[in-house]
C-alpha atoms as a PDB file:
ATOM      1  CA  MET A   1      -4.290 -73.513  -6.925  1.00  0.00           C
ATOM      2  CA  THR A   2      -3.733 -75.759  -3.884  1.00  0.00           C
ATOM      3  CA  ALA A   3      -1.739 -78.910  -4.683  1.00  0.00           C
ATOM      4  CA  THR A   4      -3.487 -82.234  -4.056  1.00  0.00           C
ATOM      5  CA  GLN A   5      -2.661 -85.892  -4.514  1.00  0.00           C
ATOM      6  CA  THR A   6      -4.677 -89.095  -4.686  1.00  0.00           C
ATOM      7  CA  ILE A   7      -4.394 -91.476  -1.742  1.00  0.00           C
ATOM      8  CA  PHE A   8      -6.179 -94.814  -1.454  1.00  0.00           C
ATOM      9  CA  ALA A   9      -7.761 -96.034   1.770  1.00  0.00           C
ATOM     10  CA  THR A  10      -5.234 -98.824   2.387  1.00  0.00           C
ATOM     11  CA  GLU A  11      -2.261 -96.458   2.228  1.00  0.00           C
ATOM     12  CA  MET A  12      -3.931 -93.820   4.392  1.00  0.00           C
ATOM     13  CA  ASN A  13      -4.877 -96.393   7.002  1.00  0.00           C
ATOM     14  CA  GLU A  14      -1.324 -97.784   7.123  1.00  0.00           C
ATOM     15  CA  VAL A  15       0.311 -94.358   7.434  1.00  0.00           C
ATOM     16  CA  LEU A  16      -2.088 -93.244  10.170  1.00  0.00           C
ATOM     17  CA  PHE A  17      -1.754 -96.514  12.092  1.00  0.00           C
ATOM     18  CA  LYS A  18       2.039 -96.108  12.249  1.00  0.00           C
ATOM     19  CA  LEU A  19       1.666 -92.457  13.259  1.00  0.00           C
ATOM     20  CA  PHE A  20      -0.717 -93.190  16.131  1.00  0.00           C
ATOM     21  CA  CYS A  21       1.489 -96.060  17.330  1.00  0.00           C
ATOM     22  CA  LYS A  22       4.428 -93.646  17.332  1.00  0.00           C
ATOM     23  CA  TYR A  23       2.511 -91.408  19.734  1.00  0.00           C
ATOM     24  CA  GLU A  24       2.039 -94.312  22.166  1.00  0.00           C
ATOM     25  CA  PHE A  25      -1.458 -95.507  21.395  1.00  0.00           C
ATOM     26  CA  SER A  26      -1.791 -99.286  21.720  1.00  0.00           C
ATOM     27  CA  ASN A  27      -2.031-101.238  18.467  1.00  0.00           C
ATOM     28  CA  ASN A  28      -5.787-101.734  18.876  1.00  0.00           C
ATOM     29  CA  LYS A  29      -6.397 -98.055  19.632  1.00  0.00           C
ATOM     30  CA  ALA A  30      -4.112 -96.920  16.807  1.00  0.00           C
ATOM     31  CA  GLN A  31      -5.915 -99.187  14.345  1.00  0.00           C
ATOM     32  CA  THR A  32      -9.327 -97.863  15.402  1.00  0.00           C
ATOM     33  CA  LEU A  33      -8.177 -94.245  15.160  1.00  0.00           C
ATOM     34  CA  ALA A  34      -6.671 -94.888  11.722  1.00  0.00           C
ATOM     35  CA  GLU A  35      -9.871 -96.545  10.509  1.00  0.00           C
ATOM     36  CA  VAL A  36     -12.098 -93.708  11.759  1.00  0.00           C
ATOM     37  CA  HIS A  37     -10.008 -90.914  10.224  1.00  0.00           C
ATOM     38  CA  THR A  38      -9.772 -92.854   6.956  1.00  0.00           C
ATOM     39  CA  GLU A  39     -13.496 -93.590   6.920  1.00  0.00           C
ATOM     40  CA  ASN A  40     -14.338 -89.932   7.505  1.00  0.00           C
ATOM     41  CA  THR A  41     -12.106 -88.975   4.587  1.00  0.00           C
ATOM     42  CA  LEU A  42     -13.604 -91.675   2.358  1.00  0.00           C
ATOM     43  CA  ARG A  43     -16.978 -90.024   2.889  1.00  0.00           C
ATOM     44  CA  GLY A  44     -15.602 -86.684   1.745  1.00  0.00           C
ATOM     45  CA  VAL A  45     -15.433 -85.175   5.225  1.00  0.00           C
ATOM     46  CA  HIS A  46     -11.733 -84.313   5.075  1.00  0.00           C
ATOM     47  CA  SER A  47     -12.339 -81.565   7.630  1.00  0.00           C
ATOM     48  CA  HIS A  48     -12.984 -84.220  10.290  1.00  0.00           C
ATOM     49  CA  GLY A  49     -10.749 -86.880   8.782  1.00  0.00           C
ATOM     50  CA  ILE A  50      -7.277 -86.485   7.336  1.00  0.00           C
ATOM     51  CA  ASN A  51      -7.186 -82.692   7.775  1.00  0.00           C
ATOM     52  CA  ARG A  52      -7.759 -83.050  11.539  1.00  0.00           C
ATOM     53  CA  VAL A  53      -4.887 -85.453  12.143  1.00  0.00           C
ATOM     54  CA  PRO A  54      -2.241 -82.718  12.714  1.00  0.00           C
ATOM     55  CA  PHE A  55      -4.641 -81.053  15.192  1.00  0.00           C
ATOM     56  CA  PHE A  56      -5.183 -84.378  16.970  1.00  0.00           C
ATOM     57  CA  ILE A  57      -1.446 -85.073  17.234  1.00  0.00           C
ATOM     58  CA  GLN A  58      -0.927 -81.585  18.649  1.00  0.00           C
ATOM     59  CA  CYS A  59      -3.565 -82.364  21.294  1.00  0.00           C
ATOM     60  CA  VAL A  60      -1.607 -85.499  22.216  1.00  0.00           C
ATOM     61  CA  LYS A  61       1.641 -83.518  22.424  1.00  0.00           C
ATOM     62  CA  ASN A  62      -0.025 -80.879  24.615  1.00  0.00           C
ATOM     63  CA  GLY A  63      -1.353 -83.513  26.993  1.00  0.00           C
ATOM     64  CA  VAL A  64      -4.954 -82.642  26.143  1.00  0.00           C
ATOM     65  CA  VAL A  65      -5.544 -86.194  24.883  1.00  0.00           C
ATOM     66  CA  LYS A  66      -4.196 -88.899  27.182  1.00  0.00           C
ATOM     67  CA  THR A  67      -3.233 -91.930  25.113  1.00  0.00           C
ATOM     68  CA  ASP A  68      -3.627 -94.476  27.928  1.00  0.00           C
ATOM     69  CA  SER A  69      -6.999 -93.228  29.262  1.00  0.00           C
ATOM     70  CA  GLU A  70     -10.317 -94.974  28.692  1.00  0.00           C
ATOM     71  CA  ALA A  71     -13.907 -94.046  29.471  1.00  0.00           C
ATOM     72  CA  THR A  72     -15.310 -95.481  32.720  1.00  0.00           C
ATOM     73  CA  LEU A  73     -18.829 -95.919  34.086  1.00  0.00           C
ATOM     74  CA  THR A  74     -19.539 -93.646  37.067  1.00  0.00           C
ATOM     75  CA  GLU A  75     -23.312 -93.833  37.671  1.00  0.00           C
ATOM     76  CA  GLN A  76     -26.244 -95.903  36.453  1.00  0.00           C
ATOM     77  CA  PHE A  77     -29.957 -95.059  36.467  1.00  0.00           C
ATOM     78  CA  GLY A  78     -31.740 -97.910  34.701  1.00  0.00           C
ATOM     79  CA  SER A  79     -31.270 -97.355  30.964  1.00  0.00           C
ATOM     80  CA  ILE A  80     -29.339 -94.117  31.599  1.00  0.00           C
ATOM     81  CA  GLU A  81     -25.642 -94.109  32.466  1.00  0.00           C
ATOM     82  CA  ARG A  82     -23.017 -91.491  33.215  1.00  0.00           C
ATOM     83  CA  TRP A  83     -19.485 -92.080  32.009  1.00  0.00           C
ATOM     84  CA  ASP A  84     -16.193 -90.228  32.502  1.00  0.00           C
ATOM     85  CA  GLY A  85     -13.921 -89.922  29.479  1.00  0.00           C
ATOM     86  CA  ASN A  86     -10.857 -89.320  31.669  1.00  0.00           C
ATOM     87  CA  GLN A  87      -9.466 -86.989  28.985  1.00  0.00           C
ATOM     88  CA  GLY A  88      -8.896 -89.852  26.567  1.00  0.00           C
ATOM     89  CA  SER A  89      -9.326 -89.776  22.808  1.00  0.00           C
ATOM     90  CA  GLY A  90     -12.708 -88.334  21.893  1.00  0.00           C
ATOM     91  CA  VAL A  91     -13.026 -90.840  19.044  1.00  0.00           C
ATOM     92  CA  LEU A  92     -12.321 -93.884  21.211  1.00  0.00           C
ATOM     93  CA  ASN A  93     -14.576 -92.607  23.997  1.00  0.00           C
ATOM     94  CA  ALA A  94     -17.406 -91.937  21.550  1.00  0.00           C
ATOM     95  CA  ILE A  95     -17.168 -95.431  20.064  1.00  0.00           C
ATOM     96  CA  ARG A  96     -17.225 -96.976  23.551  1.00  0.00           C
ATOM     97  CA  CYS A  97     -20.248 -94.926  24.617  1.00  0.00           C
ATOM     98  CA  SER A  98     -22.090 -95.486  21.329  1.00  0.00           C
ATOM     99  CA  LYS A  99     -21.706 -99.241  21.706  1.00  0.00           C
ATOM    100  CA  GLN A 100     -22.893 -99.062  25.303  1.00  0.00           C
ATOM    101  CA  ALA A 101     -25.948 -96.989  24.324  1.00  0.00           C
ATOM    102  CA  ILE A 102     -26.732 -99.562  21.616  1.00  0.00           C
ATOM    103  CA  GLN A 103     -26.415-102.405  24.122  1.00  0.00           C
ATOM    104  CA  LEU A 104     -28.718-100.648  26.606  1.00  0.00           C
ATOM    105  CA  ALA A 105     -31.229 -99.995  23.830  1.00  0.00           C
ATOM    106  CA  GLN A 106     -31.210-103.633  22.762  1.00  0.00           C
ATOM    107  CA  THR A 107     -31.963-104.626  26.368  1.00  0.00           C
ATOM    108  CA  ASN A 108     -34.380-101.870  27.389  1.00  0.00           C
ATOM    109  CA  GLY A 109     -35.630-100.390  24.121  1.00  0.00           C
ATOM    110  CA  ILE A 110     -33.752 -97.161  24.787  1.00  0.00           C
ATOM    111  CA  GLY A 111     -30.278 -96.379  26.073  1.00  0.00           C
ATOM    112  CA  ILE A 112     -28.732 -93.058  27.042  1.00  0.00           C
ATOM    113  CA  ILE A 113     -25.073 -92.463  27.826  1.00  0.00           C
ATOM    114  CA  ALA A 114     -23.956 -89.060  29.098  1.00  0.00           C
ATOM    115  CA  LEU A 115     -20.185 -88.586  28.892  1.00  0.00           C
ATOM    116  CA  ARG A 116     -18.034 -85.948  30.584  1.00  0.00           C
ATOM    117  CA  ASN A 117     -14.342 -85.044  30.478  1.00  0.00           C
ATOM    118  CA  THR A 118     -13.823 -86.163  26.896  1.00  0.00           C
ATOM    119  CA  ASN A 119     -12.322 -84.620  23.763  1.00  0.00           C
ATOM    120  CA  HIS A 120     -13.322 -83.825  20.177  1.00  0.00           C
ATOM    121  CA  TRP A 121     -15.104 -86.816  18.599  1.00  0.00           C
ATOM    122  CA  MET A 122     -14.224 -85.709  15.032  1.00  0.00           C
ATOM    123  CA  ARG A 123     -17.261 -86.705  12.897  1.00  0.00           C
ATOM    124  CA  ALA A 124     -20.484 -87.477  14.740  1.00  0.00           C
ATOM    125  CA  GLY A 125     -21.912 -89.227  11.698  1.00  0.00           C
ATOM    126  CA  TYR A 126     -19.467 -92.102  12.217  1.00  0.00           C
ATOM    127  CA  TYR A 127     -21.254 -93.048  15.436  1.00  0.00           C
ATOM    128  CA  GLY A 128     -24.636 -92.547  13.785  1.00  0.00           C
ATOM    129  CA  TRP A 129     -23.718 -95.110  11.127  1.00  0.00           C
ATOM    130  CA  LEU A 130     -22.524 -97.449  13.868  1.00  0.00           C
ATOM    131  CA  ALA A 131     -25.927 -97.210  15.576  1.00  0.00           C
ATOM    132  CA  ALA A 132     -27.842 -97.571  12.303  1.00  0.00           C
ATOM    133  CA  GLU A 133     -25.903-100.717  11.387  1.00  0.00           C
ATOM    134  CA  ASN A 134     -27.235-102.119  14.674  1.00  0.00           C
ATOM    135  CA  ASP A 135     -30.841-101.164  13.788  1.00  0.00           C
ATOM    136  CA  CYS A 136     -30.888 -98.260  16.231  1.00  0.00           C
ATOM    137  CA  ILE A 137     -32.155 -94.732  15.830  1.00  0.00           C
ATOM    138  CA  ALA A 138     -29.566 -92.408  17.371  1.00  0.00           C
ATOM    139  CA  ILE A 139     -29.536 -88.839  18.653  1.00  0.00           C
ATOM    140  CA  MET A 140     -26.130 -87.561  19.723  1.00  0.00           C
ATOM    141  CA  PHE A 141     -24.698 -84.149  20.544  1.00  0.00           C
ATOM    142  CA  THR A 142     -21.748 -82.452  22.181  1.00  0.00           C
ATOM    143  CA  ASN A 143     -20.880 -79.062  23.583  1.00  0.00           C
ATOM    144  CA  THR A 144     -17.740 -77.176  22.580  1.00  0.00           C
ATOM    145  CA  GLN A 145     -15.645 -74.166  23.442  1.00  0.00           C
ATOM    146  CA  PRO A 146     -17.426 -70.838  22.787  1.00  0.00           C
ATOM    147  CA  ASN A 147     -17.053 -70.085  19.079  1.00  0.00           C
ATOM    148  CA  MET A 148     -20.233 -68.135  18.277  1.00  0.00           C
ATOM    149  CA  PRO A 149     -21.858 -65.052  19.791  1.00  0.00           C
ATOM    150  CA  ALA A 150     -25.273 -65.596  21.339  1.00  0.00           C
ATOM    151  CA  TRP A 151     -27.784 -63.778  19.145  1.00  0.00           C
ATOM    152  CA  GLY A 152     -27.735 -60.084  20.011  1.00  0.00           C
ATOM    153  CA  GLY A 153     -24.299 -60.309  21.634  1.00  0.00           C
ATOM    154  CA  ILE A 154     -20.801 -59.476  20.467  1.00  0.00           C
ATOM    155  CA  GLU A 155     -18.423 -61.865  22.237  1.00  0.00           C
ATOM    156  CA  ASN A 156     -18.319 -65.620  21.658  1.00  0.00           C
ATOM    157  CA  ARG A 157     -20.350 -67.148  24.487  1.00  0.00           C
ATOM    158  CA  ILE A 158     -21.945 -70.264  22.916  1.00  0.00           C
ATOM    159  CA  GLY A 159     -20.581 -73.311  21.081  1.00  0.00           C
ATOM    160  CA  ASN A 160     -21.469 -74.610  17.645  1.00  0.00           C
ATOM    161  CA  ASN A 161     -22.360 -77.873  19.446  1.00  0.00           C
ATOM    162  CA  PRO A 162     -22.515 -80.576  16.728  1.00  0.00           C
ATOM    163  CA  PHE A 163     -25.789 -82.518  16.584  1.00  0.00           C
ATOM    164  CA  MET A 164     -26.493 -85.860  14.890  1.00  0.00           C
ATOM    165  CA  ILE A 165     -29.608 -87.931  14.151  1.00  0.00           C
ATOM    166  CA  SER A 166     -29.432 -91.281  12.357  1.00  0.00           C
ATOM    167  CA  ILE A 167     -32.276 -93.554  11.247  1.00  0.00           C
ATOM    168  CA  PRO A 168     -31.598 -97.104   9.999  1.00  0.00           C
ATOM    169  CA  ARG A 169     -32.955 -98.490   6.728  1.00  0.00           C
ATOM    170  CA  ARG A 170     -32.954-102.190   5.816  1.00  0.00           C
ATOM    171  CA  CYS A 171     -31.390-101.397   2.433  1.00  0.00           C
ATOM    172  CA  GLY A 172     -28.319-100.042   4.239  1.00  0.00           C
ATOM    173  CA  SER A 173     -28.695 -96.506   2.856  1.00  0.00           C
ATOM    174  CA  HIS A 174     -29.220 -95.066   6.314  1.00  0.00           C
ATOM    175  CA  VAL A 175     -30.428 -91.551   7.010  1.00  0.00           C
ATOM    176  CA  VAL A 176     -27.696 -89.631   8.862  1.00  0.00           C
ATOM    177  CA  LEU A 177     -27.975 -85.935   9.691  1.00  0.00           C
ATOM    178  CA  ASP A 178     -24.667 -84.631  11.041  1.00  0.00           C
ATOM    179  CA  MET A 179     -24.313 -80.894  11.490  1.00  0.00           C
ATOM    180  CA  ALA A 180     -22.722 -78.181  13.554  1.00  0.00           C
ATOM    181  CA  LEU A 181     -24.960 -75.395  14.789  1.00  0.00           C
ATOM    182  CA  SER A 182     -22.789 -72.885  12.951  1.00  0.00           C
ATOM    183  CA  GLN A 183     -23.480 -72.305   9.263  1.00  0.00           C
ATOM    184  CA  PHE A 184     -20.203 -74.127   8.575  1.00  0.00           C
ATOM    185  CA  SER A 185     -18.212 -76.270  10.999  1.00  0.00           C
ATOM    186  CA  PHE A 186     -14.815 -74.789  11.780  1.00  0.00           C
ATOM    187  CA  GLY A 187     -13.242 -77.851  10.196  1.00  0.00           C
ATOM    188  CA  LYS A 188     -15.084 -77.025   6.976  1.00  0.00           C
ATOM    189  CA  ILE A 189     -13.994 -73.381   7.230  1.00  0.00           C
ATOM    190  CA  GLN A 190     -10.399 -74.551   7.663  1.00  0.00           C
ATOM    191  CA  GLU A 191     -10.796 -76.816   4.625  1.00  0.00           C
ATOM    192  CA  HIS A 192     -11.853 -73.831   2.515  1.00  0.00           C
ATOM    193  CA  ALA A 193      -8.848 -71.903   3.831  1.00  0.00           C
ATOM    194  CA  LEU A 194      -6.525 -74.768   2.843  1.00  0.00           C
ATOM    195  CA  ARG A 195      -8.038 -74.753  -0.645  1.00  0.00           C
ATOM    196  CA  ASP A 196      -7.823 -70.938  -0.772  1.00  0.00           C
ATOM    197  CA  ILE A 197     -11.486 -70.519  -1.735  1.00  0.00           C
ATOM    198  CA  LYS A 198     -14.325 -68.451  -0.295  1.00  0.00           C
ATOM    199  CA  LEU A 199     -17.258 -69.975   1.550  1.00  0.00           C
ATOM    200  CA  PRO A 200     -20.406 -70.222  -0.624  1.00  0.00           C
ATOM    201  CA  HIS A 201     -22.348 -68.204   1.970  1.00  0.00           C
ATOM    202  CA  PRO A 202     -21.366 -65.964   4.907  1.00  0.00           C
ATOM    203  CA  GLY A 203     -20.072 -68.215   7.682  1.00  0.00           C
ATOM    204  CA  GLY A 204     -19.082 -65.886  10.502  1.00  0.00           C
ATOM    205  CA  TRP A 205     -17.825 -62.494  11.553  1.00  0.00           C
ATOM    206  CA  ASN A 206     -14.495 -60.865  10.751  1.00  0.00           C
ATOM    207  CA  SER A 207     -12.475 -58.618  13.085  1.00  0.00           C
ATOM    208  CA  ASN A 208     -14.574 -55.617  12.009  1.00  0.00           C
ATOM    209  CA  GLY A 209     -17.764 -57.288  13.201  1.00  0.00           C
ATOM    210  CA  GLU A 210     -18.963 -57.853   9.634  1.00  0.00           C
ATOM    211  CA  LEU A 211     -20.444 -61.064   8.257  1.00  0.00           C
ATOM    212  CA  SER A 212     -17.853 -62.628   5.976  1.00  0.00           C
ATOM    213  CA  SER A 213     -17.355 -65.436   3.465  1.00  0.00           C
ATOM    214  CA  ASP A 214     -13.573 -65.277   3.861  1.00  0.00           C
ATOM    215  CA  PRO A 215     -12.468 -68.386   5.796  1.00  0.00           C
ATOM    216  CA  GLU A 216      -9.190 -66.889   7.004  1.00  0.00           C
ATOM    217  CA  SER A 217     -10.877 -63.890   8.603  1.00  0.00           C
ATOM    218  CA  ILE A 218     -13.402 -66.139  10.374  1.00  0.00           C
ATOM    219  CA  LEU A 219     -10.663 -68.457  11.638  1.00  0.00           C
ATOM    220  CA  LYS A 220      -8.894 -65.439  13.140  1.00  0.00           C
ATOM    221  CA  THR A 221     -11.946 -64.389  15.162  1.00  0.00           C
ATOM    222  CA  GLU A 222     -13.240 -67.951  15.712  1.00  0.00           C
ATOM    223  CA  SER A 223     -16.676 -66.354  15.552  1.00  0.00           C
ATOM    224  CA  GLY A 224     -19.119 -68.504  13.595  1.00  0.00           C
ATOM    225  CA  LEU A 225     -22.616 -67.648  12.397  1.00  0.00           C
ATOM    226  CA  PRO A 226     -25.390 -69.653  14.134  1.00  0.00           C
ATOM    227  CA  ILE A 227     -27.700 -71.559  11.786  1.00  0.00           C
ATOM    228  CA  GLY A 228     -31.061 -69.830  11.605  1.00  0.00           C
ATOM    229  CA  TYR A 229     -29.589 -66.833  13.446  1.00  0.00           C
ATOM    230  CA  TRP A 230     -31.480 -66.580  16.782  1.00  0.00           C
ATOM    231  CA  LYS A 231     -32.862 -70.108  16.392  1.00  0.00           C
ATOM    232  CA  GLY A 232     -29.398 -71.640  16.150  1.00  0.00           C
ATOM    233  CA  SER A 233     -28.301 -69.544  19.104  1.00  0.00           C
ATOM    234  CA  ALA A 234     -31.129 -70.905  21.258  1.00  0.00           C
ATOM    235  CA  PHE A 235     -30.554 -74.461  19.990  1.00  0.00           C
ATOM    236  CA  SER A 236     -26.898 -74.213  21.010  1.00  0.00           C
ATOM    237  CA  MET A 237     -27.813 -73.089  24.515  1.00  0.00           C
ATOM    238  CA  VAL A 238     -30.260 -75.926  25.199  1.00  0.00           C
ATOM    239  CA  LEU A 239     -27.880 -78.599  23.863  1.00  0.00           C
ATOM    240  CA  ASP A 240     -25.160 -77.224  26.141  1.00  0.00           C
ATOM    241  CA  MET A 241     -27.607 -77.339  29.054  1.00  0.00           C
ATOM    242  CA  LEU A 242     -28.674 -80.915  28.310  1.00  0.00           C
ATOM    243  CA  ALA A 243     -25.143 -82.256  27.808  1.00  0.00           C
ATOM    244  CA  THR A 244     -23.890 -80.535  30.958  1.00  0.00           C
ATOM    245  CA  LEU A 245     -26.788 -81.614  33.171  1.00  0.00           C
ATOM    246  CA  LEU A 246     -27.047 -85.207  31.949  1.00  0.00           C
ATOM    247  CA  ALA A 247     -23.290 -85.805  32.146  1.00  0.00           C
ATOM    248  CA  ALA A 248     -22.760 -83.720  35.300  1.00  0.00           C
ATOM    249  CA  GLY A 249     -19.931 -82.311  33.238  1.00  0.00           C
ATOM    250  CA  GLN A 250     -18.495 -79.037  32.032  1.00  0.00           C
ATOM    251  CA  SER A 251     -20.530 -76.415  30.208  1.00  0.00           C
ATOM    252  CA  THR A 252     -19.300 -74.251  27.357  1.00  0.00           C
ATOM    253  CA  TYR A 253     -18.610 -71.592  29.992  1.00  0.00           C
ATOM    254  CA  ARG A 254     -16.357 -73.944  31.979  1.00  0.00           C
ATOM    255  CA  ILE A 255     -14.671 -75.180  28.810  1.00  0.00           C
ATOM    256  CA  SER A 256     -13.838 -71.555  27.990  1.00  0.00           C
ATOM    257  CA  GLN A 257     -11.716 -71.419  31.149  1.00  0.00           C
ATOM    258  CA  GLU A 258      -9.436 -74.182  29.821  1.00  0.00           C
ATOM    259  CA  LYS A 259      -6.261 -73.385  27.878  1.00  0.00           C
ATOM    260  CA  TYR A 260      -7.413 -75.808  25.169  1.00  0.00           C
ATOM    261  CA  GLU A 261     -10.808 -77.196  24.189  1.00  0.00           C
ATOM    262  CA  THR A 262     -11.076 -80.273  26.409  1.00  0.00           C
ATOM    263  CA  ASN A 263     -13.218 -81.881  29.119  1.00  0.00           C
ATOM    264  CA  ILE A 264     -16.317 -81.458  26.967  1.00  0.00           C
ATOM    265  CA  SER A 265     -19.711 -83.118  27.580  1.00  0.00           C
ATOM    266  CA  GLN A 266     -21.589 -85.405  25.182  1.00  0.00           C
ATOM    267  CA  VAL A 267     -24.833 -87.386  24.975  1.00  0.00           C
ATOM    268  CA  PHE A 268     -25.455 -90.666  23.110  1.00  0.00           C
ATOM    269  CA  LEU A 269     -29.110 -91.745  22.856  1.00  0.00           C
ATOM    270  CA  CYS A 270     -30.140 -94.910  21.013  1.00  0.00           C
ATOM    271  CA  ILE A 271     -33.546 -96.501  20.349  1.00  0.00           C
ATOM    272  CA  ASP A 272     -33.720-100.120  19.186  1.00  0.00           C
ATOM    273  CA  THR A 273     -36.118-100.221  16.225  1.00  0.00           C
ATOM    274  CA  LYS A 274     -36.382-104.025  16.406  1.00  0.00           C
ATOM    275  CA  GLN A 275     -38.454-103.583  19.564  1.00  0.00           C
ATOM    276  CA  PHE A 276     -41.351-102.306  17.431  1.00  0.00           C
ATOM    277  CA  HIS A 277     -41.662-105.497  15.316  1.00  0.00           C
ATOM    278  CA  ASP A 278     -42.780-103.495  12.263  1.00  0.00           C
ATOM    279  CA  ALA A 279     -39.692-103.214  10.056  1.00  0.00           C
ATOM    280  CA  SER A 280     -41.704-103.264   6.839  1.00  0.00           C
ATOM    281  CA  LEU A 281     -43.866-100.379   8.058  1.00  0.00           C
ATOM    282  CA  LYS A 282     -40.776 -98.396   9.081  1.00  0.00           C
ATOM    283  CA  ASP A 283     -39.193 -98.845   5.667  1.00  0.00           C
ATOM    284  CA  ARG A 284     -42.396 -97.962   3.850  1.00  0.00           C
ATOM    285  CA  LEU A 285     -42.819 -94.749   5.839  1.00  0.00           C
ATOM    286  CA  LEU A 286     -39.177 -93.735   5.383  1.00  0.00           C
ATOM    287  CA  ASN A 287     -39.219 -94.475   1.656  1.00  0.00           C
ATOM    288  CA  GLU A 288     -42.423 -92.487   1.278  1.00  0.00           C
ATOM    289  CA  ILE A 289     -40.819 -89.411   2.845  1.00  0.00           C
ATOM    290  CA  ILE A 290     -37.546 -89.797   0.932  1.00  0.00           C
ATOM    291  CA  ASN A 291     -39.211 -90.422  -2.429  1.00  0.00           C
ATOM    292  CA  TYR A 292     -41.518 -87.442  -1.977  1.00  0.00           C
ATOM    293  CA  SER A 293     -38.610 -85.104  -1.184  1.00  0.00           C
ATOM    294  CA  ASN A 294     -36.120 -86.485  -3.696  1.00  0.00           C
ATOM    295  CA  SER A 295     -38.600 -86.394  -6.572  1.00  0.00           C
ATOM    296  CA  ALA A 296     -38.900 -82.603  -6.335  1.00  0.00           C
ATOM    297  CA  PRO A 297     -37.738 -80.817  -9.524  1.00  0.00           C
ATOM    298  CA  PRO A 298     -34.210 -79.421  -8.993  1.00  0.00           C
ATOM    299  CA  LYS A 299     -33.519 -75.692  -9.109  1.00  0.00           C
ATOM    300  CA  THR A 300     -30.530 -76.189 -11.405  1.00  0.00           C
ATOM    301  CA  ASN A 301     -29.968 -78.668 -14.224  1.00  0.00           C
ATOM    302  CA  GLY A 302     -27.850 -81.646 -13.271  1.00  0.00           C
ATOM    303  CA  SER A 303     -28.542 -81.375  -9.545  1.00  0.00           C
ATOM    304  CA  LYS A 304     -30.982 -83.306  -7.381  1.00  0.00           C
ATOM    305  CA  VAL A 305     -32.560 -83.225  -3.953  1.00  0.00           C
ATOM    306  CA  VAL A 306     -30.919 -85.671  -1.529  1.00  0.00           C
ATOM    307  CA  TYR A 307     -31.768 -86.977   1.922  1.00  0.00           C
ATOM    308  CA  PRO A 308     -29.280 -86.611   4.821  1.00  0.00           C
ATOM    309  CA  GLY A 309     -26.455 -89.106   4.417  1.00  0.00           C
ATOM    310  CA  GLU A 310     -27.054 -89.845   0.737  1.00  0.00           C
ATOM    311  CA  THR A 311     -24.161 -87.749  -0.537  1.00  0.00           C
ATOM    312  CA  SER A 312     -21.620 -89.244   1.881  1.00  0.00           C
ATOM    313  CA  LEU A 313     -22.648 -92.773   0.886  1.00  0.00           C
ATOM    314  CA  ARG A 314     -22.131 -91.995  -2.805  1.00  0.00           C
ATOM    315  CA  LYS A 315     -18.828 -90.272  -2.053  1.00  0.00           C
ATOM    316  CA  ARG A 316     -17.592 -93.314  -0.142  1.00  0.00           C
ATOM    317  CA  ARG A 317     -18.220 -95.586  -3.126  1.00  0.00           C
ATOM    318  CA  GLU A 318     -16.359 -93.178  -5.413  1.00  0.00           C
ATOM    319  CA  SER A 319     -13.440 -92.820  -2.984  1.00  0.00           C
ATOM    320  CA  LEU A 320     -12.998 -96.575  -2.612  1.00  0.00           C
ATOM    321  CA  LYS A 321     -12.860 -96.913  -6.396  1.00  0.00           C
ATOM    322  CA  ASN A 322     -10.863 -93.839  -7.385  1.00  0.00           C
ATOM    323  CA  GLY A 323      -8.993 -92.855  -4.223  1.00  0.00           C
ATOM    324  CA  MET A 324      -9.241 -89.701  -2.128  1.00  0.00           C
ATOM    325  CA  GLU A 325      -7.985 -86.303  -3.211  1.00  0.00           C
ATOM    326  CA  VAL A 326      -5.907 -85.053  -0.291  1.00  0.00           C
ATOM    327  CA  ASN A 327      -4.189 -81.722   0.331  1.00  0.00           C
ATOM    328  CA  SER A 328      -0.499 -82.378  -0.380  1.00  0.00           C
ATOM    329  CA  THR A 329       0.732 -80.078   2.383  1.00  0.00           C
ATOM    330  CA  VAL A 330      -1.408 -81.833   4.990  1.00  0.00           C
ATOM    331  CA  TRP A 331      -0.335 -85.276   3.770  1.00  0.00           C
ATOM    332  CA  GLN A 332       3.366 -84.409   3.852  1.00  0.00           C
ATOM    333  CA  GLN A 333       2.935 -82.842   7.287  1.00  0.00           C
ATOM    334  CA  ILE A 334       1.412 -86.093   8.562  1.00  0.00           C
ATOM    335  CA  LYS A 335       4.165 -88.246   7.045  1.00  0.00           C
ATOM    336  CA  ALA A 336       6.814 -85.989   8.593  1.00  0.00           C
ATOM    337  CA  GLN A 337       5.413 -86.262  12.143  1.00  0.00           C
END
């Protein structure tokens, strides 16, 4: 059984802040990075929170993430802008571009930021919640290194290109769909490997070309299973095309030529719902859909149907009250950095 320990948000934030300062991020940047990784862990997404910190620090050490770089505006086309991430932190770049897309949406009704030369943004849902808190619908996606075979192929040629949609609700229980286009994100596969447990469903191919539920064998091949098989494969391709074209950035193919996964392309699209002047109608329609789905009889006793984002909201409340269960090896590794 993998050893774990309970860490509260305040302690995690303090430890991470000191760590990021040690690796030459400014105080403001270090605080933001600490808050984002802690928030992701509070919501139960350890795979893109505390468990990713050693990976992030390694990227800093390798020069993949430049601590002093910031995203800059390169071109503007009305409510559409192109930005260059200048190989800075993917988290900091994503926050900057999300805020800019929100600002454009509040001015024009819609705002689109296409970002190139950035790094892993960790958990896309964080930026979806940011948009929703500002009454914006958001659609965001990124390309990645090739980590899935295109349907019908053998070699990894497409990315699992995470995709996020968020929809604000006045009650604050926003709808946030955050998913990779692989059956499981590689962070989630790594989390199962750390816990020494199998995936609940096949998540990729092993070295024998067989579908497998063993996380270690999938991590060795880095060959994930596309969601919906051929549908996920096609979805991955078009998101890569859109991110590359809109950002005038690197495609999954170009990213594959890099030594590390870097210089990726991302899109941040926001729509200001306040422009419609019908908040009560929006809430009524959303509640109608949610209530209809959530009232369905569950397949197993004790379970329930949930809408996207509902589980993470509940988990956050529990984590703030009871603390977060963290892998002891990962935590000690972070404290020893």
